[in-house]
Amino acid sequence: MTDDEIRELFDRNPNLLMAEIVTITDRTPKEIKDILLTPTKTDPEILAPSDFITAAEIFHYYAPGFSFELDQEALVLEALKRGFVTMVGVDQYLINQNYQGVESDD
């Protein structure tokens, strides 16, 4: 399976577990994470600050950072709670370009 096919599989099936993706693709978890975390030309970091992002895109780009522990709805709620995104319409979110992250207790 090509990298693009893996991205498409992930996009079309956001609730697949990592173990399922590994089985389907015959790739290691590290390979899958590297593929999903590699920026593409439409990644939010490349979007203009005024471009909107959907809940599905938030999940696609940021679920790997949460080790796929949150489903799409929970991840969007967490992003809203932390102030990382602002809801500007029906399934339209604006990324906070000044977001500083969350301080940890480490």
N, C-alpha and C. Protein backbone atom coordinates (compact mmCIF):
# COMPACT_ATOMS: atom_id res chain seq x y z
N MET A 1 0.86 -1.17 0.00
CA MET A 1 0.00 0.00 0.00
C MET A 1 0.90 1.24 0.00
N THR A 2 0.59 2.19 -0.86
CA THR A 2 1.41 3.40 -0.94
C THR A 2 1.10 4.33 0.23
N ASP A 3 1.97 5.31 0.43
CA ASP A 3 1.75 6.29 1.50
C ASP A 3 0.45 7.04 1.28
N ASP A 4 0.17 7.42 0.03
CA ASP A 4 -1.07 8.14 -0.26
C ASP A 4 -2.30 7.28 0.02
N GLU A 5 -2.21 5.99 -0.29
CA GLU A 5 -3.32 5.07 0.00
C GLU A 5 -3.54 4.93 1.50
N ILE A 6 -2.45 4.95 2.27
CA ILE A 6 -2.56 4.87 3.73
C ILE A 6 -3.22 6.13 4.27
N ARG A 7 -2.82 7.29 3.74
CA ARG A 7 -3.46 8.55 4.17
C ARG A 7 -4.95 8.53 3.85
N GLU A 8 -5.29 8.04 2.65
CA GLU A 8 -6.69 7.98 2.25
C GLU A 8 -7.47 7.01 3.13
N LEU A 9 -6.87 5.86 3.44
CA LEU A 9 -7.50 4.89 4.35
C LEU A 9 -7.79 5.55 5.69
N PHE A 10 -6.83 6.28 6.21
CA PHE A 10 -6.99 6.96 7.50
C PHE A 10 -8.08 8.04 7.40
N ASP A 11 -8.07 8.81 6.31
CA ASP A 11 -9.07 9.87 6.12
C ASP A 11 -10.48 9.31 6.05
N ARG A 12 -10.63 8.19 5.38
CA ARG A 12 -11.96 7.62 5.18
C ARG A 12 -12.44 6.79 6.37
N ASN A 13 -11.53 6.40 7.24
CA ASN A 13 -11.87 5.55 8.39
C ASN A 13 -11.21 6.08 9.66
N PRO A 14 -11.61 7.25 10.14
CA PRO A 14 -10.91 7.88 11.26
C PRO A 14 -10.99 7.12 12.58
N ASN A 15 -11.87 6.13 12.67
CA ASN A 15 -11.99 5.38 13.92
C ASN A 15 -11.23 4.06 13.91
N LEU A 16 -10.45 3.82 12.85
CA LEU A 16 -9.62 2.61 12.83
C LEU A 16 -8.56 2.70 13.91
N LEU A 17 -8.33 1.60 14.56
CA LEU A 17 -7.27 1.55 15.57
C LEU A 17 -5.93 1.38 14.87
N MET A 18 -4.87 1.77 15.54
CA MET A 18 -3.53 1.64 14.97
C MET A 18 -3.26 0.18 14.60
N ALA A 19 -3.64 -0.75 15.46
CA ALA A 19 -3.41 -2.17 15.18
C ALA A 19 -4.12 -2.61 13.89
N GLU A 20 -5.30 -2.07 13.65
CA GLU A 20 -6.03 -2.41 12.42
C GLU A 20 -5.32 -1.84 11.19
N ILE A 21 -4.83 -0.61 11.30
CA ILE A 21 -4.11 0.00 10.18
C ILE A 21 -2.84 -0.78 9.88
N VAL A 22 -2.14 -1.19 10.93
CA VAL A 22 -0.91 -1.98 10.76
C VAL A 22 -1.23 -3.29 10.04
N THR A 23 -2.30 -3.96 10.44
CA THR A 23 -2.69 -5.23 9.82
C THR A 23 -3.07 -5.03 8.35
N ILE A 24 -3.85 -4.01 8.07
CA ILE A 24 -4.32 -3.75 6.70
C ILE A 24 -3.16 -3.37 5.78
N THR A 25 -2.25 -2.54 6.29
CA THR A 25 -1.19 -1.99 5.44
C THR A 25 0.09 -2.80 5.44
N ASP A 26 0.25 -3.69 6.42
CA ASP A 26 1.48 -4.46 6.58
C ASP A 26 2.68 -3.54 6.80
N ARG A 27 2.45 -2.46 7.54
CA ARG A 27 3.51 -1.52 7.92
C ARG A 27 3.61 -1.51 9.43
N THR A 28 4.73 -1.01 9.95
CA THR A 28 4.91 -0.91 11.40
C THR A 28 4.18 0.33 11.92
N PRO A 29 3.88 0.35 13.22
CA PRO A 29 3.25 1.55 13.78
C PRO A 29 4.09 2.80 13.54
N LYS A 30 5.41 2.69 13.65
CA LYS A 30 6.27 3.85 13.41
C LYS A 30 6.14 4.34 11.97
N GLU A 31 6.11 3.41 11.01
CA GLU A 31 5.96 3.80 9.61
C GLU A 31 4.62 4.52 9.39
N ILE A 32 3.56 3.99 10.00
CA ILE A 32 2.24 4.60 9.86
C ILE A 32 2.25 6.01 10.44
N LYS A 33 2.80 6.17 11.65
CA LYS A 33 2.86 7.49 12.27
C LYS A 33 3.68 8.45 11.42
N ASP A 34 4.81 8.00 10.89
CA ASP A 34 5.64 8.86 10.04
C ASP A 34 4.88 9.31 8.80
N ILE A 35 4.14 8.40 8.20
CA ILE A 35 3.36 8.73 7.00
C ILE A 35 2.29 9.76 7.34
N LEU A 36 1.56 9.53 8.44
CA LEU A 36 0.47 10.42 8.79
C LEU A 36 0.94 11.77 9.32
N LEU A 37 2.16 11.81 9.86
CA LEU A 37 2.68 13.07 10.39
C LEU A 37 3.48 13.86 9.38
N THR A 38 3.80 13.28 8.24
CA THR A 38 4.56 13.99 7.22
C THR A 38 3.66 15.04 6.60
N PRO A 39 4.09 16.30 6.62
CA PRO A 39 3.24 17.36 6.06
C PRO A 39 2.98 17.15 4.58
N THR A 40 1.77 17.47 4.18
CA THR A 40 1.41 17.50 2.77
C THR A 40 1.10 18.93 2.41
N LYS A 41 0.90 19.20 1.15
CA LYS A 41 0.69 20.59 0.72
C LYS A 41 -0.56 21.22 1.31
N THR A 42 -1.47 20.42 1.87
CA THR A 42 -2.69 20.97 2.45
C THR A 42 -2.68 20.95 3.98
N ASP A 43 -1.55 20.64 4.60
CA ASP A 43 -1.49 20.62 6.06
C ASP A 43 -1.76 22.01 6.62
N PRO A 44 -2.33 22.09 7.84
CA PRO A 44 -2.70 23.37 8.43
C PRO A 44 -1.53 24.34 8.55
N GLU A 45 -0.31 23.82 8.75
CA GLU A 45 0.82 24.72 8.89
C GLU A 45 1.08 25.50 7.61
N ILE A 46 0.59 24.98 6.49
CA ILE A 46 0.82 25.62 5.20
C ILE A 46 -0.37 26.47 4.80
N LEU A 47 -1.52 26.26 5.43
CA LEU A 47 -2.71 27.04 5.11
C LEU A 47 -2.53 28.48 5.58
N ALA A 48 -3.16 29.39 4.87
CA ALA A 48 -3.15 30.78 5.28
C ALA A 48 -3.95 30.90 6.58
N PRO A 49 -3.59 31.86 7.45
CA PRO A 49 -4.29 32.00 8.72
C PRO A 49 -5.80 32.16 8.59
N SER A 50 -6.27 32.68 7.46
CA SER A 50 -7.71 32.89 7.30
C SER A 50 -8.43 31.67 6.75
N ASP A 51 -7.69 30.61 6.40
CA ASP A 51 -8.33 29.40 5.88
C ASP A 51 -8.98 28.62 7.02
N PHE A 52 -10.12 28.02 6.70
CA PHE A 52 -10.84 27.23 7.69
C PHE A 52 -10.44 25.78 7.58
N ILE A 53 -10.61 25.05 8.66
CA ILE A 53 -10.31 23.64 8.71
C ILE A 53 -11.54 22.92 9.25
N THR A 54 -11.81 21.72 8.80
CA THR A 54 -12.97 20.96 9.25
C THR A 54 -12.59 20.06 10.43
N ALA A 55 -13.60 19.50 11.07
CA ALA A 55 -13.35 18.57 12.18
C ALA A 55 -12.57 17.36 11.68
N ALA A 56 -12.89 16.87 10.49
CA ALA A 56 -12.17 15.72 9.93
C ALA A 56 -10.70 16.05 9.71
N GLU A 57 -10.43 17.28 9.25
CA GLU A 57 -9.04 17.69 9.04
C GLU A 57 -8.30 17.85 10.36
N ILE A 58 -8.97 18.38 11.36
CA ILE A 58 -8.35 18.48 12.69
C ILE A 58 -7.95 17.09 13.15
N PHE A 59 -8.86 16.14 13.01
CA PHE A 59 -8.56 14.77 13.44
C PHE A 59 -7.41 14.19 12.63
N HIS A 60 -7.46 14.37 11.33
CA HIS A 60 -6.42 13.80 10.45
C HIS A 60 -5.03 14.32 10.82
N TYR A 61 -4.92 15.60 11.04
CA TYR A 61 -3.60 16.20 11.28
C TYR A 61 -3.11 16.05 12.71
N TYR A 62 -4.01 16.01 13.68
CA TYR A 62 -3.58 16.08 15.07
C TYR A 62 -3.81 14.82 15.90
N ALA A 63 -4.58 13.86 15.41
CA ALA A 63 -4.79 12.61 16.16
C ALA A 63 -3.48 11.88 16.45
N PRO A 64 -2.53 11.86 15.50
CA PRO A 64 -1.26 11.17 15.81
C PRO A 64 -0.55 11.78 17.02
N GLY A 65 -0.69 13.09 17.22
CA GLY A 65 -0.07 13.75 18.36
C GLY A 65 -0.68 13.33 19.70
N PHE A 66 -1.87 12.77 19.63
CA PHE A 66 -2.55 12.27 20.83
C PHE A 66 -2.53 10.75 20.84
N SER A 67 -1.62 10.16 20.08
CA SER A 67 -1.48 8.69 19.97
C SER A 67 -2.80 8.01 19.61
N PHE A 68 -3.62 8.71 18.84
CA PHE A 68 -4.91 8.18 18.38
C PHE A 68 -5.82 7.76 19.53
N GLU A 69 -5.63 8.38 20.70
CA GLU A 69 -6.44 8.02 21.87
C GLU A 69 -7.79 8.72 21.89
N LEU A 70 -7.95 9.80 21.13
CA LEU A 70 -9.21 10.54 21.09
C LEU A 70 -9.88 10.33 19.73
N ASP A 71 -11.21 10.15 19.74
CA ASP A 71 -11.90 10.08 18.45
C ASP A 71 -12.07 11.51 17.94
N GLN A 72 -12.64 11.65 16.76
CA GLN A 72 -12.73 12.96 16.13
C GLN A 72 -13.46 13.98 17.00
N GLU A 73 -14.59 13.61 17.53
CA GLU A 73 -15.37 14.54 18.35
C GLU A 73 -14.61 14.96 19.61
N ALA A 74 -14.00 14.00 20.28
CA ALA A 74 -13.25 14.31 21.51
C ALA A 74 -12.03 15.18 21.20
N LEU A 75 -11.38 14.94 20.08
CA LEU A 75 -10.21 15.74 19.72
C LEU A 75 -10.60 17.18 19.41
N VAL A 76 -11.69 17.36 18.69
CA VAL A 76 -12.16 18.72 18.38
C VAL A 76 -12.56 19.44 19.67
N LEU A 77 -13.25 18.75 20.57
CA LEU A 77 -13.63 19.36 21.84
C LEU A 77 -12.40 19.76 22.65
N GLU A 78 -11.37 18.92 22.63
CA GLU A 78 -10.13 19.24 23.34
C GLU A 78 -9.44 20.45 22.71
N ALA A 79 -9.43 20.51 21.38
CA ALA A 79 -8.82 21.64 20.69
C ALA A 79 -9.56 22.94 21.00
N LEU A 80 -10.89 22.87 21.07
CA LEU A 80 -11.68 24.05 21.44
C LEU A 80 -11.41 24.45 22.89
N LYS A 81 -11.38 23.47 23.78
CA LYS A 81 -11.15 23.73 25.20
C LYS A 81 -9.80 24.39 25.43
N ARG A 82 -8.78 23.91 24.73
CA ARG A 82 -7.43 24.46 24.90
C ARG A 82 -7.23 25.79 24.18
N GLY A 83 -8.18 26.15 23.32
CA GLY A 83 -8.04 27.41 22.58
C GLY A 83 -7.16 27.27 21.34
N PHE A 84 -6.91 26.04 20.92
CA PHE A 84 -6.10 25.81 19.73
C PHE A 84 -6.87 26.20 18.48
N VAL A 85 -8.19 25.96 18.49
CA VAL A 85 -9.04 26.35 17.37
C VAL A 85 -10.25 27.10 17.90
N THR A 86 -10.87 27.86 17.02
CA THR A 86 -12.10 28.56 17.31
C THR A 86 -13.13 28.14 16.28
N MET A 87 -14.33 27.83 16.73
CA MET A 87 -15.39 27.47 15.80
C MET A 87 -15.93 28.74 15.17
N VAL A 88 -15.97 28.78 13.83
CA VAL A 88 -16.43 29.97 13.13
C VAL A 88 -17.65 29.70 12.27
N GLY A 89 -18.09 28.45 12.23
CA GLY A 89 -19.27 28.08 11.43
C GLY A 89 -19.54 26.60 11.59
N VAL A 90 -20.50 26.12 10.84
CA VAL A 90 -20.82 24.70 10.89
C VAL A 90 -19.64 23.93 10.30
N ASP A 91 -19.01 23.12 11.13
CA ASP A 91 -17.82 22.35 10.76
C ASP A 91 -16.74 23.21 10.11
N GLN A 92 -16.58 24.41 10.63
CA GLN A 92 -15.51 25.30 10.18
C GLN A 92 -14.80 25.84 11.42
N TYR A 93 -13.49 25.62 11.44
CA TYR A 93 -12.68 26.03 12.57
C TYR A 93 -11.50 26.84 12.06
N LEU A 94 -11.09 27.79 12.86
CA LEU A 94 -9.93 28.61 12.54
C LEU A 94 -8.84 28.26 13.54
N ILE A 95 -7.66 27.94 13.05
CA ILE A 95 -6.55 27.59 13.92
C ILE A 95 -5.99 28.86 14.55
N ASN A 96 -5.77 28.82 15.85
CA ASN A 96 -5.19 29.95 16.58
C ASN A 96 -3.70 29.99 16.28
N GLN A 97 -3.27 30.92 15.45
CA GLN A 97 -1.87 31.03 15.04
C GLN A 97 -0.96 31.44 16.19
N ASN A 98 -1.53 31.95 17.28
CA ASN A 98 -0.74 32.37 18.43
C ASN A 98 -0.78 31.37 19.58
N TYR A 99 -1.29 30.18 19.32
CA TYR A 99 -1.41 29.16 20.35
C TYR A 99 -0.03 28.80 20.88
N GLN A 100 0.13 28.84 22.20
CA GLN A 100 1.42 28.58 22.84
C GLN A 100 1.57 27.17 23.36
N GLY A 101 0.51 26.38 23.33
CA GLY A 101 0.59 25.01 23.84
C GLY A 101 0.16 24.96 25.30
N VAL A 102 0.19 23.76 25.82
CA VAL A 102 -0.20 23.52 27.20
C VAL A 102 1.04 23.22 28.00
N GLU A 103 1.17 23.88 29.12
CA GLU A 103 2.33 23.62 29.99
C GLU A 103 2.10 22.30 30.71
N SER A 104 3.16 21.51 30.80
CA SER A 104 3.04 20.22 31.48
C SER A 104 3.69 20.34 32.86
N ASP A 105 3.38 19.35 33.70
CA ASP A 105 3.93 19.32 35.06
C ASP A 105 5.26 18.59 35.12
N ASP A 106 5.77 18.14 33.97
CA ASP A 106 7.01 17.35 33.94
C ASP A 106 8.19 18.14 34.48
